[in-house]
């Protein structure tokens, strides 16, 4: 079973361990609501699988966007909007 870890990259401290990514993102979302969006700048979310292999899922602004449910905005939205109106 995988575990999800939220780290403060500035202090190298473990903020929390969670059984699902959703729980970890909920904690990030709550922290952003309480402390402001810049709070997530120092955070990183990682996942460790049952074999002990770890990977970073998201950090900083990308983590904040993921926690708040914002999708990445295409760099050229105007061309997409123009093609829809044609």
C-alpha atoms as a PDB file:
ATOM      1  CA  UNK A   1       0.000   0.000   0.000  1.00  0.00           C
ATOM      2  CA  UNK A   2       1.296   3.455  -0.890  1.00  0.00           C
ATOM      3  CA  UNK A   3       1.677   6.240   1.618  1.00  0.00           C
ATOM      4  CA  UNK A   4       1.589   9.936   0.814  1.00  0.00           C
ATOM      5  CA  UNK A   5       3.900  12.328   2.606  1.00  0.00           C
ATOM      6  CA  UNK A   6       3.724  16.087   2.784  1.00  0.00           C
ATOM      7  CA  UNK A   7       7.096  17.748   3.348  1.00  0.00           C
ATOM      8  CA  UNK A   8       8.181  21.283   4.136  1.00  0.00           C
ATOM      9  CA  UNK A   9      11.108  21.721   1.771  1.00  0.00           C
ATOM     10  CA  UNK A  10      12.473  24.797   3.585  1.00  0.00           C
ATOM     11  CA  UNK A  11      12.870  23.010   6.918  1.00  0.00           C
ATOM     12  CA  UNK A  12      13.093  19.411   5.617  1.00  0.00           C
ATOM     13  CA  UNK A  13      10.383  18.447   8.089  1.00  0.00           C
ATOM     14  CA  UNK A  14       7.625  15.939   7.517  1.00  0.00           C
ATOM     15  CA  UNK A  15       4.317  17.817   7.809  1.00  0.00           C
ATOM     16  CA  UNK A  16       2.121  14.720   7.665  1.00  0.00           C
ATOM     17  CA  UNK A  17       1.618  11.211   6.328  1.00  0.00           C
ATOM     18  CA  UNK A  18      -1.638  10.193   4.660  1.00  0.00           C
ATOM     19  CA  UNK A  19      -3.173   7.001   3.329  1.00  0.00           C
ATOM     20  CA  UNK A  20      -4.445   8.667   0.140  1.00  0.00           C
ATOM     21  CA  UNK A  21      -3.504  11.511  -2.137  1.00  0.00           C
ATOM     22  CA  UNK A  22      -6.952  13.010  -1.577  1.00  0.00           C
ATOM     23  CA  UNK A  23      -6.351  13.236   2.178  1.00  0.00           C
ATOM     24  CA  UNK A  24      -2.990  14.914   1.612  1.00  0.00           C
ATOM     25  CA  UNK A  25      -4.469  17.410  -0.861  1.00  0.00           C
ATOM     26  CA  UNK A  26      -7.245  18.166   1.617  1.00  0.00           C
ATOM     27  CA  UNK A  27      -4.603  19.047   4.227  1.00  0.00           C
ATOM     28  CA  UNK A  28      -2.858  21.328   1.724  1.00  0.00           C
ATOM     29  CA  UNK A  29      -6.181  22.966   0.819  1.00  0.00           C
ATOM     30  CA  UNK A  30      -6.943  23.595   4.506  1.00  0.00           C
ATOM     31  CA  UNK A  31      -3.471  25.085   5.057  1.00  0.00           C
ATOM     32  CA  UNK A  32      -3.947  27.398   2.064  1.00  0.00           C
ATOM     33  CA  UNK A  33      -7.314  28.569   3.386  1.00  0.00           C
ATOM     34  CA  UNK A  34      -5.806  29.270   6.822  1.00  0.00           C
ATOM     35  CA  UNK A  35      -2.428  30.721   5.862  1.00  0.00           C
ATOM     36  CA  UNK A  36      -2.710  31.921   2.271  1.00  0.00           C
ATOM     37  CA  UNK A  37      -1.665  30.417  -1.011  1.00  0.00           C
ATOM     38  CA  UNK A  38       2.022  31.223  -0.591  1.00  0.00           C
ATOM     39  CA  UNK A  39       2.104  28.699   2.276  1.00  0.00           C
ATOM     40  CA  UNK A  40       2.212  25.918  -0.327  1.00  0.00           C
ATOM     41  CA  UNK A  41       5.365  27.347  -1.933  1.00  0.00           C
ATOM     42  CA  UNK A  42       7.550  25.419   0.511  1.00  0.00           C
ATOM     43  CA  UNK A  43       5.530  22.180   0.394  1.00  0.00           C
ATOM     44  CA  UNK A  44       6.091  19.012  -1.588  1.00  0.00           C
ATOM     45  CA  UNK A  45       3.847  15.955  -1.825  1.00  0.00           C
ATOM     46  CA  UNK A  46       5.482  12.604  -2.355  1.00  0.00           C
ATOM     47  CA  UNK A  47       4.341   9.025  -2.612  1.00  0.00           C
ATOM     48  CA  UNK A  48       6.144   5.960  -1.307  1.00  0.00           C
ATOM     49  CA  UNK A  49       5.080   2.572  -2.652  1.00  0.00           C
ATOM     50  CA  UNK A  50       5.123  -0.749  -0.783  1.00  0.00           C
ATOM     51  CA  UNK A  51       8.681  -1.407  -1.999  1.00  0.00           C
ATOM     52  CA  UNK A  52       9.945   1.830  -0.476  1.00  0.00           C
ATOM     53  CA  UNK A  53      10.423   3.657  -3.770  1.00  0.00           C
ATOM     54  CA  UNK A  54       9.494   7.339  -3.527  1.00  0.00           C
ATOM     55  CA  UNK A  55       8.509   9.923  -6.099  1.00  0.00           C
ATOM     56  CA  UNK A  56       7.455  13.547  -5.918  1.00  0.00           C
ATOM     57  CA  UNK A  57       3.893  14.129  -7.102  1.00  0.00           C
ATOM     58  CA  UNK A  58       3.841  17.927  -6.958  1.00  0.00           C
ATOM     59  CA  UNK A  59       5.411  20.838  -5.130  1.00  0.00           C
ATOM     60  CA  UNK A  60       4.989  24.571  -4.701  1.00  0.00           C
ATOM     61  CA  UNK A  61       2.537  26.316  -7.043  1.00  0.00           C
ATOM     62  CA  UNK A  62       1.733  23.062  -8.865  1.00  0.00           C
ATOM     63  CA  UNK A  63       0.772  21.465  -5.543  1.00  0.00           C
ATOM     64  CA  UNK A  64      -1.403  24.462  -4.623  1.00  0.00           C
ATOM     65  CA  UNK A  65      -3.171  24.271  -7.985  1.00  0.00           C
ATOM     66  CA  UNK A  66      -3.718  20.548  -7.579  1.00  0.00           C
ATOM     67  CA  UNK A  67      -5.064  20.957  -4.046  1.00  0.00           C
ATOM     68  CA  UNK A  68      -7.416  23.747  -5.078  1.00  0.00           C
ATOM     69  CA  UNK A  69      -8.680  21.758  -8.064  1.00  0.00           C
ATOM     70  CA  UNK A  70      -7.347  24.119 -10.700  1.00  0.00           C
ATOM     71  CA  UNK A  71      -6.357  22.617 -14.017  1.00  0.00           C
ATOM     72  CA  UNK A  72      -3.342  23.820 -15.901  1.00  0.00           C
ATOM     73  CA  UNK A  73      -4.339  26.621 -18.263  1.00  0.00           C
ATOM     74  CA  UNK A  74      -3.172  26.120 -21.858  1.00  0.00           C
ATOM     75  CA  UNK A  75      -0.624  28.740 -22.894  1.00  0.00           C
ATOM     76  CA  UNK A  76      -2.651  29.737 -25.952  1.00  0.00           C
ATOM     77  CA  UNK A  77      -6.295  29.820 -24.876  1.00  0.00           C
ATOM     78  CA  UNK A  78      -7.232  32.412 -27.495  1.00  0.00           C
ATOM     79  CA  UNK A  79      -6.605  30.033 -30.404  1.00  0.00           C
ATOM     80  CA  UNK A  80      -8.776  27.394 -28.732  1.00  0.00           C
ATOM     81  CA  UNK A  81     -11.561  29.912 -28.116  1.00  0.00           C
ATOM     82  CA  UNK A  82     -11.312  31.237 -31.679  1.00  0.00           C
ATOM     83  CA  UNK A  83     -11.607  27.762 -33.171  1.00  0.00           C
ATOM     84  CA  UNK A  84     -14.745  27.124 -31.110  1.00  0.00           C
ATOM     85  CA  UNK A  85     -16.460  30.252 -32.382  1.00  0.00           C
ATOM     86  CA  UNK A  86     -15.742  29.440 -36.030  1.00  0.00           C
END
